[in-house]
Amino acid sequence: MVLNHCQALLTSTPEGATGFIDADLHDLDRILDQTGQLL
């Protein structure tokens, strides 16, 4: 359900940015790898 609403989480100021990662809490390598694309 959250994934189907993720676009609503991606509004942002022009100066900032937002992103959404589909991952389980245990999949830490995936979380960190993809977080590094934005942060």
ModelCIF file with pLDDT and N, C-alpha, C, O atoms, coordinates in Angstrom:
data_MODEL
#
_entry.id   MODEL 
#
_entity.id                         1 
_entity.type                       polymer 
_entity.pdbx_number_of_molecules   1 
#
_entity_poly.entity_id                      1 
_entity_poly.type                           'polypeptide(L)' 
_entity_poly.nstd_linkage                   no 
_entity_poly.nstd_monomer                   no 
_entity_poly.pdbx_seq_one_letter_code       MVLNHCQALLTSTPEGATGFIDADLHDLDRILDQTGQLL 
_entity_poly.pdbx_seq_one_letter_code_can   MVLNHCQALLTSTPEGATGFIDADLHDLDRILDQTGQLL 
_entity_poly.pdbx_strand_id                 A 
#
loop_
_entity_poly_seq.entity_id 
_entity_poly_seq.num 
_entity_poly_seq.mon_id 
_entity_poly_seq.hetero 
1 1  MET n 
1 2  VAL n 
1 3  LEU n 
1 4  ASN n 
1 5  HIS n 
1 6  CYS n 
1 7  GLN n 
1 8  ALA n 
1 9  LEU n 
1 10 LEU n 
1 11 THR n 
1 12 SER n 
1 13 THR n 
1 14 PRO n 
1 15 GLU n 
1 16 GLY n 
1 17 ALA n 
1 18 THR n 
1 19 GLY n 
1 20 PHE n 
1 21 ILE n 
1 22 ASP n 
1 23 ALA n 
1 24 ASP n 
1 25 LEU n 
1 26 HIS n 
1 27 ASP n 
1 28 LEU n 
1 29 ASP n 
1 30 ARG n 
1 31 ILE n 
1 32 LEU n 
1 33 ASP n 
1 34 GLN n 
1 35 THR n 
1 36 GLY n 
1 37 GLN n 
1 38 LEU n 
1 39 LEU n 
#
_struct_asym.id          A 
_struct_asym.entity_id   1 
#
loop_
_ma_qa_metric.id 
_ma_qa_metric.mode 
_ma_qa_metric.name 
_ma_qa_metric.software_group_id 
_ma_qa_metric.type 
1 global pLDDT . pLDDT 
2 local  pLDDT . pLDDT 
#
_ma_qa_metric_global.metric_id      1 
_ma_qa_metric_global.metric_value   87.21 
_ma_qa_metric_global.model_id       1 
_ma_qa_metric_global.ordinal_id     1 
#
loop_
_ma_qa_metric_local.label_asym_id 
_ma_qa_metric_local.label_comp_id 
_ma_qa_metric_local.label_seq_id 
_ma_qa_metric_local.metric_id 
_ma_qa_metric_local.metric_value 
_ma_qa_metric_local.model_id 
_ma_qa_metric_local.ordinal_id 
A MET 1  2 76.00 1 1  
A VAL 2  2 77.00 1 2  
A LEU 3  2 76.00 1 3  
A ASN 4  2 74.00 1 4  
A HIS 5  2 72.00 1 5  
A CYS 6  2 70.00 1 6  
A GLN 7  2 69.00 1 7  
A ALA 8  2 65.00 1 8  
A LEU 9  2 66.00 1 9  
A LEU 10 2 74.00 1 10 
A THR 11 2 80.00 1 11 
A SER 12 2 87.00 1 12 
A THR 13 2 89.00 1 13 
A PRO 14 2 92.00 1 14 
A GLU 15 2 95.00 1 15 
A GLY 16 2 94.00 1 16 
A ALA 17 2 93.00 1 17 
A THR 18 2 91.00 1 18 
A GLY 19 2 91.00 1 19 
A PHE 20 2 90.00 1 20 
A ILE 21 2 92.00 1 21 
A ASP 22 2 90.00 1 22 
A ALA 23 2 91.00 1 23 
A ASP 24 2 90.00 1 24 
A LEU 25 2 91.00 1 25 
A HIS 26 2 92.00 1 26 
A ASP 27 2 94.00 1 27 
A LEU 28 2 95.00 1 28 
A ASP 29 2 95.00 1 29 
A ARG 30 2 95.00 1 30 
A ILE 31 2 96.00 1 31 
A LEU 32 2 96.00 1 32 
A ASP 33 2 95.00 1 33 
A GLN 34 2 95.00 1 34 
A THR 35 2 96.00 1 35 
A GLY 36 2 94.00 1 36 
A GLN 37 2 93.00 1 37 
A LEU 38 2 93.00 1 38 
A LEU 39 2 97.00 1 39 
#
loop_
_atom_site.group_PDB 
_atom_site.id 
_atom_site.type_symbol 
_atom_site.label_atom_id 
_atom_site.label_alt_id 
_atom_site.label_comp_id 
_atom_site.label_asym_id 
_atom_site.label_entity_id 
_atom_site.label_seq_id 
_atom_site.pdbx_PDB_ins_code 
_atom_site.Cartn_x 
_atom_site.Cartn_y 
_atom_site.Cartn_z 
_atom_site.occupancy 
_atom_site.B_iso_or_equiv 
_atom_site.pdbx_formal_charge 
_atom_site.auth_seq_id 
_atom_site.auth_comp_id 
_atom_site.auth_asym_id 
_atom_site.auth_atom_id 
_atom_site.pdbx_PDB_model_num 
ATOM 1   N N  . MET A 1 1  ? 0.839  -1.199 0.000  1.00 76.00 ? 1  MET A N  1 
ATOM 2   C CA . MET A 1 1  ? 0.000  0.000  0.000  1.00 76.00 ? 1  MET A CA 1 
ATOM 3   C C  . MET A 1 1  ? 0.876  1.253  0.000  1.00 76.00 ? 1  MET A C  1 
ATOM 4   O O  . MET A 1 1  ? 0.589  2.222  -0.703 1.00 76.00 ? 1  MET A O  1 
ATOM 5   N N  . VAL A 1 2  ? 1.945  1.222  0.794  1.00 77.00 ? 2  VAL A N  1 
ATOM 6   C CA . VAL A 1 2  ? 2.850  2.363  0.840  1.00 77.00 ? 2  VAL A CA 1 
ATOM 7   C C  . VAL A 1 2  ? 3.497  2.569  -0.533 1.00 77.00 ? 2  VAL A C  1 
ATOM 8   O O  . VAL A 1 2  ? 3.624  3.699  -1.005 1.00 77.00 ? 2  VAL A O  1 
ATOM 9   N N  . LEU A 1 3  ? 3.902  1.468  -1.162 1.00 76.00 ? 3  LEU A N  1 
ATOM 10  C CA . LEU A 1 3  ? 4.529  1.569  -2.477 1.00 76.00 ? 3  LEU A CA 1 
ATOM 11  C C  . LEU A 1 3  ? 3.585  2.180  -3.508 1.00 76.00 ? 3  LEU A C  1 
ATOM 12  O O  . LEU A 1 3  ? 4.008  2.936  -4.383 1.00 76.00 ? 3  LEU A O  1 
ATOM 13  N N  . ASN A 1 4  ? 2.307  1.845  -3.394 1.00 74.00 ? 4  ASN A N  1 
ATOM 14  C CA . ASN A 1 4  ? 1.343  2.398  -4.336 1.00 74.00 ? 4  ASN A CA 1 
ATOM 15  C C  . ASN A 1 4  ? 1.068  3.873  -4.079 1.00 74.00 ? 4  ASN A C  1 
ATOM 16  O O  . ASN A 1 4  ? 0.453  4.547  -4.906 1.00 74.00 ? 4  ASN A O  1 
ATOM 17  N N  . HIS A 1 5  ? 1.520  4.373  -2.942 1.00 72.00 ? 5  HIS A N  1 
ATOM 18  C CA . HIS A 1 5  ? 1.349  5.797  -2.623 1.00 72.00 ? 5  HIS A CA 1 
ATOM 19  C C  . HIS A 1 5  ? 2.682  6.535  -2.607 1.00 72.00 ? 5  HIS A C  1 
ATOM 20  O O  . HIS A 1 5  ? 2.745  7.684  -2.169 1.00 72.00 ? 5  HIS A O  1 
ATOM 21  N N  . CYS A 1 6  ? 3.747  5.895  -3.077 1.00 70.00 ? 6  CYS A N  1 
ATOM 22  C CA . CYS A 1 6  ? 5.061  6.499  -2.870 1.00 70.00 ? 6  CYS A CA 1 
ATOM 23  C C  . CYS A 1 6  ? 5.219  7.810  -3.619 1.00 70.00 ? 6  CYS A C  1 
ATOM 24  O O  . CYS A 1 6  ? 6.021  8.648  -3.208 1.00 70.00 ? 6  CYS A O  1 
ATOM 25  N N  . GLN A 1 7  ? 4.482  8.017  -4.705 1.00 69.00 ? 7  GLN A N  1 
ATOM 26  C CA . GLN A 1 7  ? 4.614  9.288  -5.410 1.00 69.00 ? 7  GLN A CA 1 
ATOM 27  C C  . GLN A 1 7  ? 4.209  10.459 -4.513 1.00 69.00 ? 7  GLN A C  1 
ATOM 28  O O  . GLN A 1 7  ? 4.747  11.559 -4.642 1.00 69.00 ? 7  GLN A O  1 
ATOM 29  N N  . ALA A 1 8  ? 3.264  10.223 -3.609 1.00 65.00 ? 8  ALA A N  1 
ATOM 30  C CA . ALA A 1 8  ? 2.849  11.293 -2.700 1.00 65.00 ? 8  ALA A CA 1 
ATOM 31  C C  . ALA A 1 8  ? 3.956  11.652 -1.721 1.00 65.00 ? 8  ALA A C  1 
ATOM 32  O O  . ALA A 1 8  ? 3.947  12.739 -1.145 1.00 65.00 ? 8  ALA A O  1 
ATOM 33  N N  . LEU A 1 9  ? 4.907  10.748 -1.530 1.00 66.00 ? 9  LEU A N  1 
ATOM 34  C CA . LEU A 1 9  ? 6.031  11.013 -0.639 1.00 66.00 ? 9  LEU A CA 1 
ATOM 35  C C  . LEU A 1 9  ? 7.187  11.704 -1.365 1.00 66.00 ? 9  LEU A C  1 
ATOM 36  O O  . LEU A 1 9  ? 8.183  12.074 -0.744 1.00 66.00 ? 9  LEU A O  1 
ATOM 37  N N  . LEU A 1 10 ? 7.052  11.874 -2.664 1.00 74.00 ? 10 LEU A N  1 
ATOM 38  C CA . LEU A 1 10 ? 8.180  12.351 -3.455 1.00 74.00 ? 10 LEU A CA 1 
ATOM 39  C C  . LEU A 1 10 ? 8.039  13.799 -3.898 1.00 74.00 ? 10 LEU A C  1 
ATOM 40  O O  . LEU A 1 10 ? 8.835  14.272 -4.709 1.00 74.00 ? 10 LEU A O  1 
ATOM 41  N N  . THR A 1 11 ? 7.054  14.504 -3.388 1.00 80.00 ? 11 THR A N  1 
ATOM 42  C CA . THR A 1 11 ? 7.007  15.934 -3.625 1.00 80.00 ? 11 THR A CA 1 
ATOM 43  C C  . THR A 1 11 ? 8.188  16.569 -2.917 1.00 80.00 ? 11 THR A C  1 
ATOM 44  O O  . THR A 1 11 ? 8.614  16.091 -1.866 1.00 80.00 ? 11 THR A O  1 
ATOM 45  N N  . SER A 1 12 ? 8.717  17.635 -3.483 1.00 87.00 ? 12 SER A N  1 
ATOM 46  C CA . SER A 1 12 ? 9.920  18.224 -2.909 1.00 87.00 ? 12 SER A CA 1 
ATOM 47  C C  . SER A 1 12 ? 10.041 19.677 -3.339 1.00 87.00 ? 12 SER A C  1 
ATOM 48  O O  . SER A 1 12 ? 9.522  20.082 -4.379 1.00 87.00 ? 12 SER A O  1 
ATOM 49  N N  . THR A 1 13 ? 10.736 20.447 -2.518 1.00 89.00 ? 13 THR A N  1 
ATOM 50  C CA . THR A 1 13 ? 11.135 21.775 -2.952 1.00 89.00 ? 13 THR A CA 1 
ATOM 51  C C  . THR A 1 13 ? 12.141 21.644 -4.092 1.00 89.00 ? 13 THR A C  1 
ATOM 52  O O  . THR A 1 13 ? 12.828 20.627 -4.188 1.00 89.00 ? 13 THR A O  1 
ATOM 53  N N  . PRO A 1 14 ? 12.239 22.649 -4.954 1.00 92.00 ? 14 PRO A N  1 
ATOM 54  C CA . PRO A 1 14 ? 13.244 22.572 -6.032 1.00 92.00 ? 14 PRO A CA 1 
ATOM 55  C C  . PRO A 1 14 ? 14.663 22.448 -5.500 1.00 92.00 ? 14 PRO A C  1 
ATOM 56  O O  . PRO A 1 14 ? 15.520 21.849 -6.150 1.00 92.00 ? 14 PRO A O  1 
ATOM 57  N N  . GLU A 1 15 ? 14.919 23.012 -4.316 1.00 95.00 ? 15 GLU A N  1 
ATOM 58  C CA . GLU A 1 15 ? 16.273 22.976 -3.756 1.00 95.00 ? 15 GLU A CA 1 
ATOM 59  C C  . GLU A 1 15 ? 16.624 21.625 -3.148 1.00 95.00 ? 15 GLU A C  1 
ATOM 60  O O  . GLU A 1 15 ? 17.797 21.260 -3.066 1.00 95.00 ? 15 GLU A O  1 
ATOM 61  N N  . GLY A 1 16 ? 15.599 20.879 -2.718 1.00 94.00 ? 16 GLY A N  1 
ATOM 62  C CA . GLY A 1 16 ? 15.836 19.599 -2.055 1.00 94.00 ? 16 GLY A CA 1 
ATOM 63  C C  . GLY A 1 16 ? 15.537 18.430 -2.968 1.00 94.00 ? 16 GLY A C  1 
ATOM 64  O O  . GLY A 1 16 ? 15.462 18.588 -4.187 1.00 94.00 ? 16 GLY A O  1 
ATOM 65  N N  . ALA A 1 17 ? 15.368 17.254 -2.379 1.00 93.00 ? 17 ALA A N  1 
ATOM 66  C CA . ALA A 1 17 ? 15.059 16.053 -3.153 1.00 93.00 ? 17 ALA A CA 1 
ATOM 67  C C  . ALA A 1 17 ? 14.488 15.001 -2.227 1.00 93.00 ? 17 ALA A C  1 
ATOM 68  O O  . ALA A 1 17 ? 14.749 15.004 -1.024 1.00 93.00 ? 17 ALA A O  1 
ATOM 69  N N  . THR A 1 18 ? 13.699 14.095 -2.805 1.00 91.00 ? 18 THR A N  1 
ATOM 70  C CA . THR A 1 18 ? 13.186 12.951 -2.055 1.00 91.00 ? 18 THR A CA 1 
ATOM 71  C C  . THR A 1 18 ? 13.321 11.704 -2.913 1.00 91.00 ? 18 THR A C  1 
ATOM 72  O O  . THR A 1 18 ? 13.313 11.772 -4.142 1.00 91.00 ? 18 THR A O  1 
ATOM 73  N N  . GLY A 1 19 ? 13.445 10.566 -2.245 1.00 91.00 ? 19 GLY A N  1 
ATOM 74  C CA . GLY A 1 19 ? 13.508 9.289  -2.932 1.00 91.00 ? 19 GLY A CA 1 
ATOM 75  C C  . GLY A 1 19 ? 12.827 8.227  -2.105 1.00 91.00 ? 19 GLY A C  1 
ATOM 76  O O  . GLY A 1 19 ? 12.596 8.421  -0.911 1.00 91.00 ? 19 GLY A O  1 
ATOM 77  N N  . PHE A 1 20 ? 12.501 7.095  -2.726 1.00 90.00 ? 20 PHE A N  1 
ATOM 78  C CA . PHE A 1 20 ? 11.816 5.997  -2.039 1.00 90.00 ? 20 PHE A CA 1 
ATOM 79  C C  . PHE A 1 20 ? 12.479 4.689  -2.430 1.00 90.00 ? 20 PHE A C  1 
ATOM 80  O O  . PHE A 1 20 ? 12.700 4.422  -3.611 1.00 90.00 ? 20 PHE A O  1 
ATOM 81  N N  . ILE A 1 21 ? 12.794 3.880  -1.440 1.00 92.00 ? 21 ILE A N  1 
ATOM 82  C CA . ILE A 1 21 ? 13.411 2.576  -1.662 1.00 92.00 ? 21 ILE A CA 1 
ATOM 83  C C  . ILE A 1 21 ? 12.452 1.483  -1.198 1.00 92.00 ? 21 ILE A C  1 
ATOM 84  O O  . ILE A 1 21 ? 11.972 1.512  -0.065 1.00 92.00 ? 21 ILE A O  1 
ATOM 85  N N  . ASP A 1 22 ? 12.178 0.531  -2.066 1.00 90.00 ? 22 ASP A N  1 
ATOM 86  C CA . ASP A 1 22 ? 11.388 -0.645 -1.731 1.00 90.00 ? 22 ASP A CA 1 
ATOM 87  C C  . ASP A 1 22 ? 12.348 -1.694 -1.166 1.00 90.00 ? 22 ASP A C  1 
ATOM 88  O O  . ASP A 1 22 ? 13.062 -2.362 -1.915 1.00 90.00 ? 22 ASP A O  1 
ATOM 89  N N  . ALA A 1 23 ? 12.357 -1.831 0.159  1.00 91.00 ? 23 ALA A N  1 
ATOM 90  C CA . ALA A 1 23 ? 13.292 -2.777 0.776  1.00 91.00 ? 23 ALA A CA 1 
ATOM 91  C C  . ALA A 1 23 ? 12.789 -3.198 2.141  1.00 91.00 ? 23 ALA A C  1 
ATOM 92  O O  . ALA A 1 23 ? 12.107 -2.437 2.828  1.00 91.00 ? 23 ALA A O  1 
ATOM 93  N N  . ASP A 1 24 ? 13.129 -4.408 2.526  1.00 90.00 ? 24 ASP A N  1 
ATOM 94  C CA . ASP A 1 24 ? 12.858 -4.928 3.859  1.00 90.00 ? 24 ASP A CA 1 
ATOM 95  C C  . ASP A 1 24 ? 13.902 -4.386 4.828  1.00 90.00 ? 24 ASP A C  1 
ATOM 96  O O  . ASP A 1 24 ? 15.026 -4.076 4.434  1.00 90.00 ? 24 ASP A O  1 
ATOM 97  N N  . LEU A 1 25 ? 13.522 -4.275 6.097  1.00 91.00 ? 25 LEU A N  1 
ATOM 98  C CA . LEU A 1 25 ? 14.447 -3.770 7.106  1.00 91.00 ? 25 LEU A CA 1 
ATOM 99  C C  . LEU A 1 25 ? 15.740 -4.581 7.183  1.00 91.00 ? 25 LEU A C  1 
ATOM 100 O O  . LEU A 1 25 ? 16.790 -4.048 7.541  1.00 91.00 ? 25 LEU A O  1 
ATOM 101 N N  . HIS A 1 26 ? 15.662 -5.850 6.850  1.00 92.00 ? 26 HIS A N  1 
ATOM 102 C CA . HIS A 1 26 ? 16.855 -6.692 6.947  1.00 92.00 ? 26 HIS A CA 1 
ATOM 103 C C  . HIS A 1 26 ? 17.790 -6.543 5.746  1.00 92.00 ? 26 HIS A C  1 
ATOM 104 O O  . HIS A 1 26 ? 18.939 -6.982 5.799  1.00 92.00 ? 26 HIS A O  1 
ATOM 105 N N  . ASP A 1 27 ? 17.309 -5.931 4.672  1.00 94.00 ? 27 ASP A N  1 
ATOM 106 C CA . ASP A 1 27 ? 18.116 -5.827 3.454  1.00 94.00 ? 27 ASP A CA 1 
ATOM 107 C C  . ASP A 1 27 ? 18.959 -4.557 3.511  1.00 94.00 ? 27 ASP A C  1 
ATOM 108 O O  . ASP A 1 27 ? 18.770 -3.630 2.723  1.00 94.00 ? 27 ASP A O  1 
ATOM 109 N N  . LEU A 1 28 ? 19.891 -4.535 4.457  1.00 95.00 ? 28 LEU A N  1 
ATOM 110 C CA . LEU A 1 28 ? 20.630 -3.309 4.740  1.00 95.00 ? 28 LEU A CA 1 
ATOM 111 C C  . LEU A 1 28 ? 21.596 -2.938 3.622  1.00 95.00 ? 28 LEU A C  1 
ATOM 112 O O  . LEU A 1 28 ? 21.819 -1.753 3.378  1.00 95.00 ? 28 LEU A O  1 
ATOM 113 N N  . ASP A 1 29 ? 22.176 -3.927 2.933  1.00 95.00 ? 29 ASP A N  1 
ATOM 114 C CA . ASP A 1 29 ? 23.085 -3.609 1.828  1.00 95.00 ? 29 ASP A CA 1 
ATOM 115 C C  . ASP A 1 29 ? 22.340 -2.863 0.724  1.00 95.00 ? 29 ASP A C  1 
ATOM 116 O O  . ASP A 1 29 ? 22.849 -1.888 0.170  1.00 95.00 ? 29 ASP A O  1 
ATOM 117 N N  . ARG A 1 30 ? 21.149 -3.323 0.414  1.00 95.00 ? 30 ARG A N  1 
ATOM 118 C CA . ARG A 1 30 ? 20.342 -2.650 -0.607 1.00 95.00 ? 30 ARG A CA 1 
ATOM 119 C C  . ARG A 1 30 ? 19.969 -1.236 -0.160 1.00 95.00 ? 30 ARG A C  1 
ATOM 120 O O  . ARG A 1 30 ? 20.058 -0.288 -0.941 1.00 95.00 ? 30 ARG A O  1 
ATOM 121 N N  . ILE A 1 31 ? 19.554 -1.100 1.094  1.00 96.00 ? 31 ILE A N  1 
ATOM 122 C CA . ILE A 1 31 ? 19.176 0.218  1.606  1.00 96.00 ? 31 ILE A CA 1 
ATOM 123 C C  . ILE A 1 31 ? 20.346 1.187  1.505  1.00 96.00 ? 31 ILE A C  1 
ATOM 124 O O  . ILE A 1 31 ? 20.192 2.308  1.020  1.00 96.00 ? 31 ILE A O  1 
ATOM 125 N N  . LEU A 1 32 ? 21.507 0.755  1.962  1.00 96.00 ? 32 LEU A N  1 
ATOM 126 C CA . LEU A 1 32 ? 22.660 1.657  1.960  1.00 96.00 ? 32 LEU A CA 1 
ATOM 127 C C  . LEU A 1 32 ? 23.127 1.970  0.550  1.00 96.00 ? 32 LEU A C  1 
ATOM 128 O O  . LEU A 1 32 ? 23.481 3.112  0.255  1.00 96.00 ? 32 LEU A O  1 
ATOM 129 N N  . ASP A 1 33 ? 23.135 0.974  -0.326 1.00 95.00 ? 33 ASP A N  1 
ATOM 130 C CA . ASP A 1 33 ? 23.586 1.202  -1.696 1.00 95.00 ? 33 ASP A CA 1 
ATOM 131 C C  . ASP A 1 33 ? 22.689 2.215  -2.401 1.00 95.00 ? 33 ASP A C  1 
ATOM 132 O O  . ASP A 1 33 ? 23.185 3.127  -3.062 1.00 95.00 ? 33 ASP A O  1 
ATOM 133 N N  . GLN A 1 34 ? 21.387 2.063  -2.265 1.00 95.00 ? 34 GLN A N  1 
ATOM 134 C CA . GLN A 1 34 ? 20.479 2.951  -2.977 1.00 95.00 ? 34 GLN A CA 1 
ATOM 135 C C  . GLN A 1 34 ? 20.364 4.315  -2.291 1.00 95.00 ? 34 GLN A C  1 
ATOM 136 O O  . GLN A 1 34 ? 20.149 5.327  -2.957 1.00 95.00 ? 34 GLN A O  1 
ATOM 137 N N  . THR A 1 35 ? 20.506 4.345  -0.973 1.00 96.00 ? 35 THR A N  1 
ATOM 138 C CA . THR A 1 35 ? 20.511 5.638  -0.291 1.00 96.00 ? 35 THR A CA 1 
ATOM 139 C C  . THR A 1 35 ? 21.671 6.493  -0.776 1.00 96.00 ? 35 THR A C  1 
ATOM 140 O O  . THR A 1 35 ? 21.548 7.713  -0.883 1.00 96.00 ? 35 THR A O  1 
ATOM 141 N N  . GLY A 1 36 ? 22.796 5.850  -1.070 1.00 94.00 ? 36 GLY A N  1 
ATOM 142 C CA . GLY A 1 36 ? 23.960 6.582  -1.552 1.00 94.00 ? 36 GLY A CA 1 
ATOM 143 C C  . GLY A 1 36 ? 23.766 7.253  -2.890 1.00 94.00 ? 36 GLY A C  1 
ATOM 144 O O  . GLY A 1 36 ? 24.583 8.083  -3.288 1.00 94.00 ? 36 GLY A O  1 
ATOM 145 N N  . GLN A 1 37 ? 22.685 6.908  -3.604 1.00 93.00 ? 37 GLN A N  1 
ATOM 146 C CA . GLN A 1 37 ? 22.397 7.575  -4.875 1.00 93.00 ? 37 GLN A CA 1 
ATOM 147 C C  . GLN A 1 37 ? 21.838 8.981  -4.668 1.00 93.00 ? 37 GLN A C  1 
ATOM 148 O O  . GLN A 1 37 ? 21.886 9.812  -5.575 1.00 93.00 ? 37 GLN A O  1 
ATOM 149 N N  . LEU A 1 38 ? 21.308 9.245  -3.474 1.00 93.00 ? 38 LEU A N  1 
ATOM 150 C CA . LEU A 1 38 ? 20.684 10.537 -3.225 1.00 93.00 ? 38 LEU A CA 1 
ATOM 151 C C  . LEU A 1 38 ? 21.327 11.309 -2.083 1.00 93.00 ? 38 LEU A C  1 
ATOM 152 O O  . LEU A 1 38 ? 21.396 12.538 -2.119 1.00 93.00 ? 38 LEU A O  1 
ATOM 153 N N  . LEU A 1 39 ? 21.800 10.585 -1.067 1.00 97.00 ? 39 LEU A N  1 
ATOM 154 C CA . LEU A 1 39 ? 22.389 11.247 0.091  1.00 97.00 ? 39 LEU A CA 1 
ATOM 155 C C  . LEU A 1 39 ? 23.907 11.172 0.032  1.00 97.00 ? 39 LEU A C  1 
ATOM 156 O O  . LEU A 1 39 ? 24.585 11.677 0.927  1.00 97.00 ? 39 LEU A O  1 
#
